[in-house]
N, C-alpha and C. Protein backbone atom coordinates (compact mmCIF):
# COMPACT_ATOMS: atom_id res chain seq x y z
N MET A 1 -12.61 77.55 10.38
CA MET A 1 -13.87 76.81 10.29
C MET A 1 -13.90 75.74 11.37
N ALA A 2 -15.05 75.58 11.98
CA ALA A 2 -15.21 74.58 13.04
C ALA A 2 -14.87 73.19 12.50
N LYS A 3 -14.18 72.42 13.33
CA LYS A 3 -13.77 71.08 12.94
C LYS A 3 -14.49 70.08 13.83
N GLN A 4 -15.15 69.09 13.21
CA GLN A 4 -15.85 68.09 14.00
C GLN A 4 -14.82 67.21 14.70
N VAL A 5 -15.07 66.95 15.97
CA VAL A 5 -14.18 66.13 16.78
C VAL A 5 -14.74 64.72 16.84
N ALA A 6 -13.90 63.75 16.57
CA ALA A 6 -14.34 62.35 16.58
C ALA A 6 -14.46 61.85 18.01
N ASN A 7 -15.68 61.56 18.40
CA ASN A 7 -15.95 60.93 19.69
C ASN A 7 -17.36 60.33 19.64
N VAL A 8 -17.80 59.77 20.72
CA VAL A 8 -19.10 59.12 20.75
C VAL A 8 -20.23 60.12 20.49
N PHE A 9 -20.05 61.35 20.94
CA PHE A 9 -21.04 62.40 20.75
C PHE A 9 -20.54 63.34 19.67
N THR A 10 -21.43 64.11 19.11
CA THR A 10 -21.01 65.09 18.11
C THR A 10 -20.55 66.35 18.82
N SER A 11 -19.31 66.72 18.60
CA SER A 11 -18.79 67.97 19.16
C SER A 11 -17.89 68.62 18.12
N PHE A 12 -17.61 69.89 18.33
CA PHE A 12 -16.84 70.65 17.37
C PHE A 12 -15.76 71.44 18.08
N GLU A 13 -14.62 71.55 17.44
CA GLU A 13 -13.54 72.38 17.92
C GLU A 13 -13.70 73.74 17.25
N LEU A 14 -13.99 74.76 18.05
CA LEU A 14 -14.25 76.09 17.52
C LEU A 14 -13.09 77.02 17.84
N SER A 15 -12.81 77.92 16.91
CA SER A 15 -11.86 78.98 17.22
C SER A 15 -12.55 79.92 18.22
N GLU A 16 -11.78 80.81 18.83
CA GLU A 16 -12.38 81.76 19.78
C GLU A 16 -13.44 82.60 19.08
N GLU A 17 -13.15 83.06 17.87
CA GLU A 17 -14.10 83.88 17.13
C GLU A 17 -15.39 83.12 16.84
N GLU A 18 -15.27 81.85 16.44
CA GLU A 18 -16.46 81.03 16.18
C GLU A 18 -17.25 80.82 17.47
N TRP A 19 -16.53 80.56 18.58
CA TRP A 19 -17.20 80.34 19.86
C TRP A 19 -17.99 81.58 20.27
N VAL A 20 -17.37 82.76 20.12
CA VAL A 20 -18.04 84.01 20.50
C VAL A 20 -19.29 84.21 19.65
N GLN A 21 -19.18 83.97 18.36
CA GLN A 21 -20.35 84.13 17.48
C GLN A 21 -21.45 83.15 17.85
N ALA A 22 -21.07 81.91 18.16
CA ALA A 22 -22.07 80.89 18.49
C ALA A 22 -22.70 81.11 19.85
N ALA A 23 -21.93 81.61 20.80
CA ALA A 23 -22.41 81.74 22.18
C ALA A 23 -23.27 82.98 22.38
N GLN A 24 -23.10 83.99 21.55
CA GLN A 24 -23.84 85.24 21.75
C GLN A 24 -25.31 85.04 21.40
N LEU A 25 -26.17 85.26 22.39
CA LEU A 25 -27.61 85.13 22.20
C LEU A 25 -28.21 86.51 21.96
N ASN A 26 -29.28 86.54 21.17
CA ASN A 26 -30.00 87.81 21.04
C ASN A 26 -30.95 87.95 22.24
N ASP A 27 -31.59 89.11 22.37
CA ASP A 27 -32.44 89.36 23.54
C ASP A 27 -33.59 88.36 23.65
N MET A 28 -34.20 88.00 22.54
CA MET A 28 -35.32 87.05 22.58
C MET A 28 -34.84 85.67 23.04
N GLN A 29 -33.68 85.25 22.57
CA GLN A 29 -33.15 83.95 22.99
C GLN A 29 -32.84 83.96 24.49
N LYS A 30 -32.27 85.07 24.98
CA LYS A 30 -31.99 85.18 26.41
C LYS A 30 -33.29 85.09 27.22
N MET A 31 -34.33 85.78 26.76
CA MET A 31 -35.61 85.73 27.47
C MET A 31 -36.18 84.32 27.47
N LEU A 32 -36.07 83.63 26.33
CA LEU A 32 -36.56 82.26 26.24
C LEU A 32 -35.83 81.35 27.22
N PHE A 33 -34.49 81.38 27.19
CA PHE A 33 -33.73 80.50 28.08
C PHE A 33 -33.92 80.86 29.55
N GLN A 34 -34.03 82.15 29.85
CA GLN A 34 -34.28 82.56 31.23
C GLN A 34 -35.67 82.09 31.69
N SER A 35 -36.65 82.17 30.80
CA SER A 35 -38.00 81.70 31.14
C SER A 35 -38.03 80.19 31.33
N MET A 36 -37.32 79.46 30.47
CA MET A 36 -37.26 78.00 30.60
C MET A 36 -36.54 77.62 31.90
N ARG A 37 -35.50 78.38 32.26
CA ARG A 37 -34.79 78.15 33.51
C ARG A 37 -35.73 78.39 34.69
N SER A 38 -36.49 79.47 34.62
CA SER A 38 -37.43 79.81 35.68
C SER A 38 -38.50 78.73 35.84
N GLU A 39 -39.01 78.23 34.73
CA GLU A 39 -40.03 77.17 34.78
C GLU A 39 -39.46 75.91 35.44
N ALA A 40 -38.23 75.56 35.10
CA ALA A 40 -37.61 74.37 35.70
C ALA A 40 -37.37 74.59 37.19
N ALA A 41 -36.94 75.79 37.56
CA ALA A 41 -36.69 76.09 38.98
C ALA A 41 -38.00 76.05 39.78
N ASN A 42 -39.06 76.62 39.21
CA ASN A 42 -40.36 76.58 39.90
C ASN A 42 -40.86 75.16 40.04
N ALA A 43 -40.70 74.36 38.99
CA ALA A 43 -41.14 72.96 39.06
C ALA A 43 -40.34 72.21 40.12
N LYS A 44 -39.03 72.47 40.19
CA LYS A 44 -38.18 71.82 41.20
C LYS A 44 -38.63 72.20 42.60
N LEU A 45 -38.93 73.49 42.80
CA LEU A 45 -39.38 73.94 44.12
C LEU A 45 -40.73 73.34 44.52
N ASN A 46 -41.55 73.03 43.53
CA ASN A 46 -42.89 72.51 43.81
C ASN A 46 -42.94 70.99 43.90
N LEU A 47 -41.80 70.33 43.75
CA LEU A 47 -41.80 68.87 43.89
C LEU A 47 -42.14 68.49 45.33
N VAL A 48 -42.93 67.46 45.46
CA VAL A 48 -43.31 66.95 46.78
C VAL A 48 -42.83 65.52 46.89
N PRO A 49 -41.95 65.24 47.84
CA PRO A 49 -41.46 63.87 48.00
C PRO A 49 -42.59 62.91 48.37
N ASP A 50 -42.57 61.76 47.74
CA ASP A 50 -43.53 60.70 48.05
C ASP A 50 -42.76 59.65 48.86
N PRO A 51 -43.05 59.56 50.16
CA PRO A 51 -42.29 58.62 51.00
C PRO A 51 -42.35 57.18 50.50
N SER A 52 -43.42 56.82 49.79
CA SER A 52 -43.52 55.45 49.30
C SER A 52 -42.70 55.21 48.04
N ASN A 53 -42.25 56.31 47.38
CA ASN A 53 -41.44 56.16 46.17
C ASN A 53 -40.48 57.34 46.08
N TYR A 54 -39.56 57.39 47.01
CA TYR A 54 -38.63 58.52 47.10
C TYR A 54 -37.69 58.59 45.89
N THR A 55 -37.44 57.45 45.25
CA THR A 55 -36.56 57.41 44.08
C THR A 55 -37.11 58.27 42.95
N VAL A 56 -38.40 58.27 42.75
CA VAL A 56 -39.01 59.09 41.69
C VAL A 56 -38.76 60.56 41.99
N TYR A 57 -38.94 60.96 43.23
CA TYR A 57 -38.67 62.34 43.62
C TYR A 57 -37.23 62.72 43.32
N LEU A 58 -36.29 61.85 43.70
CA LEU A 58 -34.87 62.14 43.47
C LEU A 58 -34.56 62.26 41.98
N GLN A 59 -35.19 61.41 41.17
CA GLN A 59 -34.98 61.47 39.72
C GLN A 59 -35.53 62.77 39.14
N GLN A 60 -36.71 63.16 39.57
CA GLN A 60 -37.30 64.41 39.08
C GLN A 60 -36.47 65.61 39.52
N GLU A 61 -36.04 65.60 40.77
CA GLU A 61 -35.23 66.70 41.29
C GLU A 61 -33.92 66.81 40.50
N ALA A 62 -33.30 65.68 40.20
CA ALA A 62 -32.05 65.68 39.43
C ALA A 62 -32.29 66.18 38.00
N GLU A 63 -33.41 65.81 37.41
CA GLU A 63 -33.74 66.28 36.07
C GLU A 63 -33.87 67.80 36.04
N TYR A 64 -34.61 68.36 36.98
CA TYR A 64 -34.78 69.81 37.02
C TYR A 64 -33.46 70.51 37.33
N ARG A 65 -32.67 69.94 38.22
CA ARG A 65 -31.37 70.53 38.54
C ARG A 65 -30.49 70.54 37.29
N GLY A 66 -30.54 69.47 36.51
CA GLY A 66 -29.77 69.40 35.26
C GLY A 66 -30.22 70.44 34.25
N ARG A 67 -31.53 70.62 34.13
CA ARG A 67 -32.06 71.64 33.21
C ARG A 67 -31.60 73.04 33.63
N ILE A 68 -31.72 73.32 34.91
CA ILE A 68 -31.33 74.64 35.42
C ILE A 68 -29.85 74.88 35.13
N THR A 69 -29.02 73.88 35.40
CA THR A 69 -27.58 74.01 35.16
C THR A 69 -27.29 74.24 33.69
N ALA A 70 -27.98 73.52 32.80
CA ALA A 70 -27.76 73.70 31.37
C ALA A 70 -28.11 75.12 30.93
N PHE A 71 -29.25 75.63 31.39
CA PHE A 71 -29.64 77.00 31.04
C PHE A 71 -28.65 78.01 31.63
N ASP A 72 -28.19 77.77 32.85
CA ASP A 72 -27.19 78.65 33.46
C ASP A 72 -25.93 78.70 32.60
N GLU A 73 -25.49 77.55 32.11
CA GLU A 73 -24.27 77.49 31.29
C GLU A 73 -24.46 78.23 29.97
N ILE A 74 -25.61 78.07 29.35
CA ILE A 74 -25.88 78.77 28.08
C ILE A 74 -25.90 80.27 28.30
N LEU A 75 -26.60 80.72 29.34
CA LEU A 75 -26.68 82.15 29.62
C LEU A 75 -25.33 82.72 30.02
N ALA A 76 -24.53 81.97 30.77
CA ALA A 76 -23.20 82.43 31.16
C ALA A 76 -22.28 82.52 29.96
N ALA A 77 -22.39 81.57 29.03
CA ALA A 77 -21.57 81.62 27.82
C ALA A 77 -21.91 82.85 27.00
N SER A 78 -23.19 83.18 26.91
CA SER A 78 -23.60 84.37 26.17
C SER A 78 -23.05 85.62 26.83
N GLN A 79 -23.10 85.68 28.16
CA GLN A 79 -22.56 86.84 28.89
C GLN A 79 -21.06 86.95 28.64
N GLU A 80 -20.36 85.83 28.68
CA GLU A 80 -18.91 85.83 28.43
C GLU A 80 -18.61 86.31 27.01
N ALA A 81 -19.40 85.86 26.05
CA ALA A 81 -19.22 86.29 24.66
C ALA A 81 -19.41 87.80 24.54
N GLU A 82 -20.42 88.32 25.21
CA GLU A 82 -20.66 89.77 25.18
C GLU A 82 -19.50 90.54 25.79
N GLU A 83 -18.92 90.01 26.87
CA GLU A 83 -17.78 90.66 27.51
C GLU A 83 -16.55 90.64 26.60
N ILE A 84 -16.34 89.55 25.89
CA ILE A 84 -15.22 89.45 24.94
C ILE A 84 -15.41 90.46 23.81
N ILE A 85 -16.63 90.54 23.30
CA ILE A 85 -16.91 91.50 22.22
C ILE A 85 -16.68 92.93 22.71
N ALA A 86 -17.15 93.24 23.91
CA ALA A 86 -16.96 94.59 24.47
C ALA A 86 -15.49 94.89 24.65
N ALA A 87 -14.72 93.93 25.13
CA ALA A 87 -13.29 94.14 25.34
C ALA A 87 -12.57 94.34 24.00
N ASN A 88 -12.99 93.60 22.98
CA ASN A 88 -12.38 93.74 21.66
C ASN A 88 -12.76 95.04 20.97
N ASN A 89 -13.88 95.62 21.40
CA ASN A 89 -14.32 96.89 20.83
C ASN A 89 -13.90 98.07 21.69
N GLY A 90 -13.00 97.84 22.61
CA GLY A 90 -12.53 98.92 23.46
C GLY A 90 -13.50 99.32 24.55
N GLY A 91 -14.38 98.39 24.95
CA GLY A 91 -15.31 98.65 26.03
C GLY A 91 -16.51 99.48 25.63
N GLU A 92 -16.77 99.57 24.35
CA GLU A 92 -17.92 100.37 23.89
C GLU A 92 -19.23 99.76 24.29
């Protein structure tokens, strides 16, 4: 069973089996996260720097970059979980 880890943020220590179960996304979840990633990437590409307030541009760019990275990590974890499941099932 997952054990809560004491720190400033809420985190959990998961066994490999728990991690695989938690990380595996269904097809609809993958489509949602991929679409949200795409929206953030498009918004980042469409940012226009304002020379009079370049700091705002940098903050927005960093926000979108962070969103993209978070979605990439979620999707990569799901892919890794699927690979572990396939390996445990003999590559079926």
